[in-house]
Amino acid sequence: MQVKELNQDGLSRTYSVTIPKEDLAEKLEAKIKEMQPQVSLKGFRPGKVPVAHIKKMFGASIMSDVIQDTVNESSQKAINDNAIRPAGQPKIDLRANGAEVTKGEADLEYQLTVEVIPEFEPVDPTSLKFTRLTCAVEDKDVEERLTKLSDGQKTYKKKAKTAKAKKDDAVLINFTGRVDGEAFDGGAMEGHQLVLGSGTFIPGFEDQLIGTKAGDKLDVTVTFPEDYAAKDLAGKEAVFETEVTEVQGAKDAELDDDFAKKFGMDDLEALKAAVKEQAETEFEAQSKMKLKRAILDELDKKHEFELPKGMVEAEFTNIWQQVEAEKEAGQLDEEDAAKSEDELKADYRKIAKRRVRLGLVLADMGQKADITISNEELQGAMIAEARRYPGQEQQVIEFYQKNPQMLAQLRAPIYEEKVVELITEKAEIKDKKVKQEKLFEEDDMI
């Protein structure tokens, strides 16, 4: 085997690889002898077909397999011998003498092009400094959460027939909806309770019922949103013949021991303790997330090196596919929706570069710290993912077991968390107490 470097262009390396035809012939003979005991042909005893006859009958097909195996083995050897750390799958370009090679009349020649992982020195974690935002759970935080719980436990009591419905009241209604004078599926109901201001109906519907009273009949005219789930109704105007049969006033739930028992607690104090504990868990998770974001931002700033184009392009492609799916579903946020496609691509290409850079930095830091992922940790992540699909847990686990590349996607975030924990342990970190609003405010995304 002969390997010659042809070109270096940034992180790209191109090599010429030549395998003598004599080496291929030896591999072919060995492959045929390996197969011989299993070959069964008419006119010969099983396993006794002569090597020459097998070669005559199947030589071209077997040689194709030999060539493929040889390319795989030799390309990997070339990478190893040249101490290359590939940044992706190498590109193999076979020379245009395939027929002659298969016949054993020519050497196997191909070009191997591979991008390499850039050389860089990761920052020393002990040199980093961060501020960790913390927030204690106060009594008012617990009270606010209890109030939200009670809002979901409101009861509604019938008002006088002359009472006019106002926001936060509930009305019992019968209605039939029509588009262009024709009733449509799912457009009619009787005795439906609708809380005014809940936003559960088509925009504008609830507003037109404010001020009505029991016995009122009216036409409610609304326009279905352009992104309405039923495509045949999206963007169309509809008229709902509506009758109000009852107006109901809301009654707040009493925050007492009976209220607590609805949530499986012994008394109100036990519920308060549980709510506080949940809030503390959320605050701690948010604090950890904020610190992680600060760490990643700092790592991004501290490292500047050439990025493998293939890795960036692959990452950008994955991101852009998601953006296009969100765009198709009308789910882009307002800021992105206001941008041109070129502006969006520029923004998300920056994100792709950031992710690749951070991925390389974290991988290098983790390797230097001998960070590994145990089978138990990977199994735990796989089980956690399976639990997201109740009733299909076994199918999800089997899917990951059969698809190593998907298992790698589970491994990556575990590895990242471990490196971030390593940095957290070694860096200088000062805690700063802040208000809940500050802890949960959104960060600017790149």
Protein backbone atom coordinates (compact mmCIF):
# COMPACT_ATOMS: atom_id res chain seq x y z
CA MET A 1 0.00 0.00 0.00
CA GLN A 2 1.34 3.40 -1.00
CA VAL A 3 0.04 6.64 0.55
CA LYS A 4 1.05 10.08 -0.74
CA GLU A 5 -0.17 13.42 0.55
CA LEU A 6 -1.44 15.50 -2.34
CA ASN A 7 -2.82 18.62 -0.72
CA GLN A 8 -3.37 20.55 2.50
CA ASP A 9 -6.02 23.24 2.45
CA GLY A 10 -6.84 24.59 5.89
CA LEU A 11 -8.21 21.61 7.80
CA SER A 12 -8.65 19.52 4.65
CA ARG A 13 -6.14 16.80 3.76
CA THR A 14 -6.07 14.85 0.49
CA TYR A 15 -4.06 11.64 0.01
CA SER A 16 -3.48 9.36 -2.92
CA VAL A 17 -3.73 5.69 -1.95
CA THR A 18 -2.58 2.82 -4.18
CA ILE A 19 -3.11 -0.89 -3.49
CA PRO A 20 -1.08 -3.16 -5.87
CA LYS A 21 -3.14 -5.58 -7.93
CA GLU A 22 -1.04 -8.42 -6.50
CA ASP A 23 -2.30 -7.59 -3.00
CA LEU A 24 -5.88 -7.65 -4.27
CA ALA A 25 -5.27 -11.01 -5.93
CA GLU A 26 -4.01 -12.44 -2.63
CA LYS A 27 -7.05 -11.11 -0.81
CA LEU A 28 -9.33 -12.59 -3.49
CA GLU A 29 -7.71 -16.04 -3.16
CA ALA A 30 -7.98 -15.90 0.62
CA LYS A 31 -11.62 -14.83 0.42
CA ILE A 32 -12.49 -17.68 -1.94
CA LYS A 33 -10.72 -20.26 0.26
CA GLU A 34 -12.63 -18.90 3.25
CA MET A 35 -15.91 -19.31 1.36
CA GLN A 36 -15.10 -22.71 -0.18
CA PRO A 37 -16.46 -24.92 2.66
CA GLN A 38 -19.86 -23.19 2.41
CA VAL A 39 -20.18 -23.21 -1.40
CA SER A 40 -22.62 -25.73 -2.89
CA LEU A 41 -22.95 -26.08 -6.69
CA LYS A 42 -24.62 -28.67 -8.87
CA GLY A 43 -22.16 -31.35 -9.94
CA PHE A 44 -19.92 -30.95 -6.90
CA ARG A 45 -20.06 -32.30 -3.40
CA PRO A 46 -20.87 -29.58 -0.80
CA GLY A 47 -17.68 -27.80 0.19
CA LYS A 48 -15.65 -29.44 -2.57
CA VAL A 49 -16.10 -26.92 -5.38
CA PRO A 50 -12.61 -26.13 -6.75
CA VAL A 51 -11.23 -22.67 -6.03
CA ALA A 52 -10.67 -22.07 -9.75
CA HIS A 53 -14.33 -22.84 -10.51
CA ILE A 54 -15.59 -20.52 -7.75
CA LYS A 55 -13.32 -17.82 -9.10
CA LYS A 56 -14.64 -18.33 -12.62
CA MET A 57 -18.29 -18.26 -11.51
CA PHE A 58 -18.21 -15.55 -8.85
CA GLY A 59 -14.79 -13.89 -9.09
CA ALA A 60 -16.05 -10.46 -10.20
CA SER A 61 -18.66 -10.31 -7.44
CA ILE A 62 -16.22 -11.48 -4.77
CA MET A 63 -13.59 -9.02 -6.02
CA SER A 64 -16.09 -6.17 -5.63
CA ASP A 65 -16.46 -7.13 -1.96
CA VAL A 66 -12.68 -7.39 -1.62
CA ILE A 67 -12.24 -3.92 -3.11
CA GLN A 68 -14.82 -2.43 -0.73
CA ASP A 69 -13.21 -4.10 2.30
CA THR A 70 -9.76 -3.01 1.12
CA VAL A 71 -10.84 0.61 0.68
CA ASN A 72 -12.31 0.65 4.19
CA GLU A 73 -9.27 -0.96 5.78
CA SER A 74 -6.66 1.01 3.86
CA SER A 75 -8.36 4.38 4.34
CA GLN A 76 -8.53 3.77 8.08
CA LYS A 77 -4.85 2.73 8.10
CA ALA A 78 -3.91 5.87 6.18
CA ILE A 79 -5.76 7.98 8.73
CA ASN A 80 -4.11 6.19 11.65
CA ASP A 81 -0.61 6.23 10.12
CA ASN A 82 -0.83 9.98 9.53
CA ALA A 83 -2.12 10.60 13.07
CA ILE A 84 -5.27 12.22 11.71
CA ARG A 85 -8.19 13.06 13.97
CA PRO A 86 -11.04 13.10 11.42
CA ALA A 87 -13.77 15.71 11.84
CA GLY A 88 -16.28 13.58 9.95
CA GLN A 89 -16.60 10.78 7.44
CA PRO A 90 -13.74 10.81 4.91
CA LYS A 91 -14.54 11.20 1.21
CA ILE A 92 -13.37 8.40 -1.07
CA ASP A 93 -12.86 9.14 -4.78
CA LEU A 94 -12.10 5.98 -6.75
CA ARG A 95 -10.05 6.46 -9.91
CA ALA A 96 -11.72 5.64 -13.24
CA ASN A 97 -10.20 2.17 -13.75
CA GLY A 98 -12.83 0.17 -11.89
CA ALA A 99 -13.39 -2.51 -14.53
CA GLU A 100 -9.67 -3.26 -14.82
CA VAL A 101 -9.29 -3.41 -11.04
CA THR A 102 -12.21 -5.84 -10.73
CA LYS A 103 -10.64 -8.05 -13.41
CA GLY A 104 -7.34 -7.99 -11.49
CA GLU A 105 -5.60 -6.14 -14.33
CA ALA A 106 -4.89 -2.83 -12.55
CA ASP A 107 -3.91 -1.46 -9.17
CA LEU A 108 -6.61 -0.04 -6.92
CA GLU A 109 -6.17 3.72 -6.77
CA TYR A 110 -8.26 6.30 -4.94
CA GLN A 111 -8.05 9.70 -3.33
CA LEU A 112 -8.86 10.10 0.33
CA THR A 113 -10.05 13.53 1.46
CA VAL A 114 -10.64 14.16 5.13
CA GLU A 115 -11.14 17.15 7.39
CA VAL A 116 -9.13 17.12 10.60
CA ILE A 117 -9.99 18.28 14.09
CA PRO A 118 -8.20 21.61 14.59
CA GLU A 119 -5.33 21.83 17.05
CA PHE A 120 -5.95 24.21 19.95
CA GLU A 121 -5.22 24.51 23.64
CA PRO A 122 -8.38 24.63 25.76
CA VAL A 123 -8.61 27.21 28.51
CA ASP A 124 -7.58 26.17 32.02
CA PRO A 125 -10.84 25.85 34.05
CA THR A 126 -9.10 27.18 37.17
CA SER A 127 -8.54 30.52 35.40
CA LEU A 128 -12.27 31.09 34.84
CA LYS A 129 -14.51 33.24 37.05
CA PHE A 130 -18.30 33.23 37.15
CA THR A 131 -21.20 34.69 39.10
CA ARG A 132 -23.93 32.22 40.03
CA LEU A 133 -27.36 33.79 40.48
CA THR A 134 -29.35 32.40 43.40
CA CYS A 135 -32.81 33.12 44.73
CA ALA A 136 -34.45 32.07 47.98
CA VAL A 137 -38.09 31.01 47.93
CA GLU A 138 -40.11 33.58 49.87
CA ASP A 139 -43.54 33.26 51.45
CA LYS A 140 -45.05 35.42 48.70
CA ASP A 141 -43.73 32.98 46.08
CA VAL A 142 -45.54 30.15 47.84
CA GLU A 143 -48.72 32.23 48.12
CA GLU A 144 -48.62 33.07 44.41
CA ARG A 145 -48.31 29.40 43.51
CA LEU A 146 -51.14 28.47 45.84
CA THR A 147 -53.30 31.14 44.21
CA LYS A 148 -52.59 29.65 40.79
CA LEU A 149 -53.61 26.25 42.12
CA SER A 150 -56.83 27.70 43.49
CA ASP A 151 -57.56 29.39 40.14
CA GLY A 152 -57.73 25.94 38.62
CA GLN A 153 -60.19 24.83 41.30
CA LYS A 154 -62.73 27.63 40.85
CA THR A 155 -66.39 26.75 41.00
CA TYR A 156 -69.19 28.53 39.15
CA LYS A 157 -72.59 29.33 40.59
CA LYS A 158 -75.71 30.34 38.64
CA LYS A 159 -76.44 34.07 38.65
CA ALA A 160 -79.80 35.80 38.46
CA LYS A 161 -81.51 35.74 35.04
CA THR A 162 -81.02 39.49 34.70
CA ALA A 163 -77.29 39.35 35.49
CA LYS A 164 -75.08 40.36 32.61
CA ALA A 165 -72.00 38.29 31.89
CA LYS A 166 -68.65 39.91 32.51
CA LYS A 167 -65.03 38.84 32.08
CA ASP A 168 -64.15 35.76 34.18
CA ASP A 169 -67.81 34.74 34.40
CA ALA A 170 -68.89 31.49 32.77
CA VAL A 171 -71.83 31.15 30.38
CA LEU A 172 -73.72 28.05 29.34
CA ILE A 173 -74.37 28.26 25.61
CA ASN A 174 -75.89 26.39 22.70
CA PHE A 175 -74.43 27.26 19.32
CA THR A 176 -74.32 26.27 15.66
CA GLY A 177 -71.58 27.59 13.40
CA ARG A 178 -71.87 28.16 9.65
CA VAL A 179 -69.43 29.12 6.93
CA ASP A 180 -71.02 30.57 3.79
CA GLY A 181 -74.36 29.54 5.26
CA GLU A 182 -73.37 25.86 5.59
CA ALA A 183 -72.94 24.10 8.95
CA PHE A 184 -69.56 22.39 9.40
CA ASP A 185 -68.34 19.41 11.40
CA GLY A 186 -67.61 20.22 15.04
CA GLY A 187 -69.33 23.58 14.81
CA ALA A 188 -72.32 22.85 17.04
CA MET A 189 -72.67 22.17 20.77
CA GLU A 190 -75.32 22.35 23.48
CA GLY A 191 -74.89 23.20 27.14
CA HIS A 192 -71.24 24.15 26.72
CA GLN A 193 -69.65 26.03 29.62
CA LEU A 194 -67.38 28.81 28.42
CA VAL A 195 -65.31 30.99 30.75
CA LEU A 196 -65.15 34.49 29.28
CA GLY A 197 -61.57 35.64 28.95
CA SER A 198 -60.14 32.11 28.99
CA GLY A 199 -59.09 32.35 25.34
CA THR A 200 -60.27 28.81 24.66
CA PHE A 201 -62.49 29.77 21.72
CA ILE A 202 -61.74 31.43 18.40
CA PRO A 203 -60.37 34.96 18.95
CA GLY A 204 -63.21 37.44 19.29
CA PHE A 205 -65.88 34.88 20.20
CA GLU A 206 -65.77 35.35 23.97
CA ASP A 207 -65.64 39.16 23.76
CA GLN A 208 -69.00 39.24 21.97
CA LEU A 209 -70.68 37.37 24.84
CA ILE A 210 -69.69 39.95 27.47
CA GLY A 211 -72.81 41.84 28.51
CA THR A 212 -75.23 39.05 27.53
CA LYS A 213 -77.71 37.49 29.96
CA ALA A 214 -79.67 34.25 30.22
CA GLY A 215 -82.13 33.89 27.33
CA ASP A 216 -80.21 36.13 24.91
CA LYS A 217 -79.81 34.93 21.33
CA LEU A 218 -77.22 36.45 19.02
CA ASP A 219 -75.05 35.82 16.00
CA VAL A 220 -71.34 35.73 16.86
CA THR A 221 -69.21 36.51 13.82
CA VAL A 222 -65.54 35.51 13.90
CA THR A 223 -62.72 34.68 11.50
CA PHE A 224 -60.77 31.46 11.90
CA PRO A 225 -56.99 32.02 12.25
CA GLU A 226 -54.87 31.42 9.15
CA ASP A 227 -53.02 28.63 10.99
CA TYR A 228 -56.20 26.93 12.25
CA ALA A 229 -55.79 23.17 12.53
CA ALA A 230 -58.77 22.42 10.25
CA LYS A 231 -57.35 23.63 6.92
CA ASP A 232 -60.80 23.86 5.28
CA LEU A 233 -61.78 26.48 7.87
CA ALA A 234 -58.49 28.39 8.18
CA GLY A 235 -58.88 32.09 7.40
CA LYS A 236 -62.63 31.85 6.76
CA GLU A 237 -65.38 33.90 8.37
CA ALA A 238 -67.95 31.99 10.39
CA VAL A 239 -71.26 32.96 11.98
CA PHE A 240 -72.33 31.15 15.16
CA GLU A 241 -76.01 31.22 16.06
CA THR A 242 -75.67 31.37 19.84
CA GLU A 243 -78.10 31.10 22.75
CA VAL A 244 -77.06 31.96 26.30
CA THR A 245 -78.94 29.71 28.70
CA GLU A 246 -77.20 30.65 31.94
CA VAL A 247 -74.68 33.10 33.39
CA GLN A 248 -72.47 31.82 36.21
CA GLY A 249 -70.24 33.71 38.63
CA ALA A 250 -66.84 32.42 39.67
CA LYS A 251 -66.18 31.45 43.26
CA ASP A 252 -62.58 31.14 44.42
CA ALA A 253 -61.58 27.93 46.14
CA GLU A 254 -60.95 28.22 49.88
CA LEU A 255 -57.30 27.68 50.78
CA ASP A 256 -57.88 25.28 53.64
CA ASP A 257 -57.19 21.69 54.64
CA ASP A 258 -59.97 20.39 52.38
CA PHE A 259 -58.38 22.18 49.44
CA ALA A 260 -55.02 20.56 50.27
CA LYS A 261 -56.58 17.11 50.36
CA LYS A 262 -57.60 17.50 46.71
CA PHE A 263 -53.87 17.34 45.95
CA GLY A 264 -53.23 14.32 48.15
CA MET A 265 -51.91 16.29 51.12
CA ASP A 266 -52.90 15.84 54.77
CA ASP A 267 -53.49 19.53 55.39
CA LEU A 268 -52.75 23.03 54.09
CA GLU A 269 -49.36 23.22 55.82
CA ALA A 270 -48.26 20.03 54.08
CA LEU A 271 -49.36 21.48 50.74
CA LYS A 272 -47.43 24.69 51.41
CA ALA A 273 -44.31 22.68 52.23
CA ALA A 274 -44.66 20.67 49.01
CA VAL A 275 -45.18 23.83 46.95
CA LYS A 276 -42.12 25.44 48.54
CA GLU A 277 -39.99 22.37 47.87
CA GLN A 278 -41.09 22.34 44.22
CA ALA A 279 -40.27 26.05 43.90
CA GLU A 280 -36.82 25.50 45.45
CA THR A 281 -36.15 22.72 42.93
CA GLU A 282 -37.17 25.00 40.06
CA PHE A 283 -35.08 27.91 41.33
CA GLU A 284 -32.05 25.67 41.76
CA ALA A 285 -32.46 24.23 38.24
CA GLN A 286 -32.78 27.75 36.80
CA SER A 287 -29.68 28.88 38.69
CA LYS A 288 -27.76 25.91 37.32
CA MET A 289 -29.00 26.59 33.80
CA LYS A 290 -27.97 30.24 34.02
CA LEU A 291 -24.49 29.28 35.21
CA LYS A 292 -24.15 26.73 32.42
CA ARG A 293 -25.08 29.37 29.86
CA ALA A 294 -22.46 31.72 31.33
CA ILE A 295 -19.85 28.95 31.15
CA LEU A 296 -20.63 28.15 27.53
CA ASP A 297 -20.59 31.84 26.61
CA GLU A 298 -17.17 32.23 28.22
CA LEU A 299 -15.78 29.13 26.49
CA ASP A 300 -17.03 30.49 23.18
CA LYS A 301 -15.26 33.82 23.80
CA LYS A 302 -12.01 32.21 24.97
CA HIS A 303 -11.48 30.04 21.90
CA GLU A 304 -10.84 31.14 18.35
CA PHE A 305 -9.75 28.55 15.79
CA GLU A 306 -10.65 27.35 12.31
CA LEU A 307 -13.72 25.13 12.25
CA PRO A 308 -14.18 22.05 10.04
CA LYS A 309 -16.48 23.20 7.23
CA GLY A 310 -18.20 19.83 7.00
CA MET A 311 -19.13 19.84 10.69
CA VAL A 312 -20.47 23.39 10.48
CA GLU A 313 -22.49 22.59 7.37
CA ALA A 314 -23.94 19.44 8.91
CA GLU A 315 -24.92 21.32 12.08
CA PHE A 316 -26.42 24.19 10.08
CA THR A 317 -28.43 21.73 7.96
CA ASN A 318 -29.94 20.15 11.08
CA ILE A 319 -30.82 23.55 12.52
CA TRP A 320 -32.26 24.87 9.26
CA GLN A 321 -34.47 21.82 8.78
CA GLN A 322 -36.03 22.56 12.17
CA VAL A 323 -36.44 26.24 11.31
CA GLU A 324 -38.17 25.39 8.05
CA ALA A 325 -40.50 22.97 9.85
CA GLU A 326 -41.42 25.67 12.37
CA LYS A 327 -41.91 28.16 9.56
CA GLU A 328 -44.19 25.76 7.70
CA ALA A 329 -46.24 25.25 10.87
CA GLY A 330 -46.41 29.00 11.52
CA GLN A 331 -44.49 28.57 14.79
CA LEU A 332 -41.56 30.95 14.23
CA ASP A 333 -41.29 33.57 16.96
CA GLU A 334 -42.12 37.14 16.01
CA GLU A 335 -38.50 38.25 15.75
CA ASP A 336 -37.54 35.45 13.36
CA ALA A 337 -40.76 35.77 11.37
CA ALA A 338 -39.91 39.42 10.62
CA LYS A 339 -36.51 38.52 9.10
CA SER A 340 -35.69 37.61 5.52
CA GLU A 341 -34.48 34.10 4.71
CA ASP A 342 -30.94 35.40 4.15
CA GLU A 343 -30.96 37.12 7.55
CA LEU A 344 -32.25 33.96 9.23
CA LYS A 345 -29.63 31.80 7.56
CA ALA A 346 -26.87 34.18 8.65
CA ASP A 347 -28.13 34.10 12.26
CA TYR A 348 -28.46 30.33 12.41
CA ARG A 349 -25.11 29.77 10.72
CA LYS A 350 -23.56 31.71 13.62
CA ILE A 351 -25.36 29.37 16.00
CA ALA A 352 -24.08 26.35 14.06
CA LYS A 353 -20.51 27.64 14.33
CA ARG A 354 -20.93 28.27 18.04
CA ARG A 355 -22.24 24.74 18.62
CA VAL A 356 -19.39 23.15 16.66
CA ARG A 357 -16.77 25.26 18.44
CA LEU A 358 -18.20 24.48 21.86
CA GLY A 359 -18.55 20.82 20.99
CA LEU A 360 -14.87 20.59 20.07
CA VAL A 361 -13.78 22.52 23.17
CA LEU A 362 -15.92 20.45 25.54
CA ALA A 363 -14.76 17.21 23.91
CA ASP A 364 -11.11 18.20 24.28
CA MET A 365 -11.52 19.31 27.89
CA GLY A 366 -13.40 16.14 28.73
CA GLN A 367 -10.78 13.97 27.08
CA LYS A 368 -7.98 15.65 29.00
CA ALA A 369 -9.94 15.07 32.24
CA ASP A 370 -10.60 11.40 31.34
CA ILE A 371 -14.38 11.94 31.43
CA THR A 372 -16.32 8.88 30.33
CA ILE A 373 -19.96 7.83 30.07
CA SER A 374 -20.82 4.56 31.81
CA ASN A 375 -23.26 2.03 30.41
CA GLU A 376 -25.45 2.66 33.46
CA GLU A 377 -25.64 6.37 32.67
CA LEU A 378 -26.47 5.68 29.04
CA GLN A 379 -29.10 3.13 30.02
CA GLY A 380 -30.61 5.67 32.42
CA ALA A 381 -30.84 8.28 29.67
CA MET A 382 -32.42 5.74 27.32
CA ILE A 383 -35.03 4.73 29.92
CA ALA A 384 -35.79 8.39 30.69
CA GLU A 385 -36.35 9.03 26.99
CA ALA A 386 -38.58 5.94 26.70
CA ARG A 387 -40.76 7.14 29.57
CA ARG A 388 -41.71 10.15 27.47
CA TYR A 389 -43.75 7.76 25.34
CA PRO A 390 -46.13 5.88 27.68
CA GLY A 391 -47.12 2.51 26.31
CA GLN A 392 -44.28 2.48 23.78
CA GLU A 393 -41.34 2.21 26.16
CA GLN A 394 -40.09 -1.14 24.84
CA GLN A 395 -40.24 0.00 21.21
CA VAL A 396 -38.25 3.14 22.05
CA ILE A 397 -35.56 1.17 23.88
CA GLU A 398 -35.28 -1.32 21.00
CA PHE A 399 -35.00 1.59 18.56
CA TYR A 400 -31.99 3.00 20.41
CA GLN A 401 -30.41 -0.43 20.77
CA LYS A 402 -30.63 -0.95 17.00
CA ASN A 403 -29.41 2.55 16.08
CA PRO A 404 -25.97 3.37 17.53
CA GLN A 405 -26.07 6.85 15.95
CA MET A 406 -29.18 7.67 17.99
CA LEU A 407 -27.49 6.39 21.14
CA ALA A 408 -24.71 8.86 20.41
CA GLN A 409 -27.29 11.65 20.57
CA LEU A 410 -28.16 10.54 24.10
CA ARG A 411 -24.48 10.36 25.04
CA ALA A 412 -23.64 13.92 23.93
CA PRO A 413 -25.72 15.88 26.50
CA ILE A 414 -24.53 13.61 29.34
CA TYR A 415 -20.91 14.25 28.35
CA GLU A 416 -21.56 17.99 28.08
CA GLU A 417 -23.10 18.11 31.55
CA LYS A 418 -20.10 16.29 33.01
CA VAL A 419 -17.63 18.74 31.49
CA VAL A 420 -19.71 21.70 32.71
CA GLU A 421 -19.72 20.15 36.20
CA LEU A 422 -15.93 19.79 35.99
CA ILE A 423 -15.59 23.48 35.12
CA THR A 424 -18.01 24.42 37.90
CA GLU A 425 -15.86 22.54 40.41
CA LYS A 426 -12.56 24.10 39.28
CA ALA A 427 -13.56 27.66 38.36
CA GLU A 428 -13.91 30.52 40.82
CA ILE A 429 -17.63 31.02 41.42
CA LYS A 430 -19.29 33.70 43.53
CA ASP A 431 -22.96 33.49 44.46
CA LYS A 432 -25.18 36.52 44.00
CA LYS A 433 -28.71 36.70 45.42
CA VAL A 434 -31.28 38.12 43.03
CA LYS A 435 -35.04 38.46 42.75
CA GLN A 436 -37.09 35.78 41.07
CA GLU A 437 -37.74 38.02 38.07
CA LYS A 438 -34.00 38.44 37.47
CA LEU A 439 -33.34 34.72 37.85
CA PHE A 440 -35.96 33.82 35.26
CA GLU A 441 -35.43 36.63 32.75
CA GLU A 442 -34.56 35.45 29.28
CA ASP A 443 -31.01 35.71 28.01
CA ASP A 444 -30.20 37.06 24.56
CA MET A 445 -29.52 34.18 22.22
CA ILE A 446 -26.83 34.29 19.58
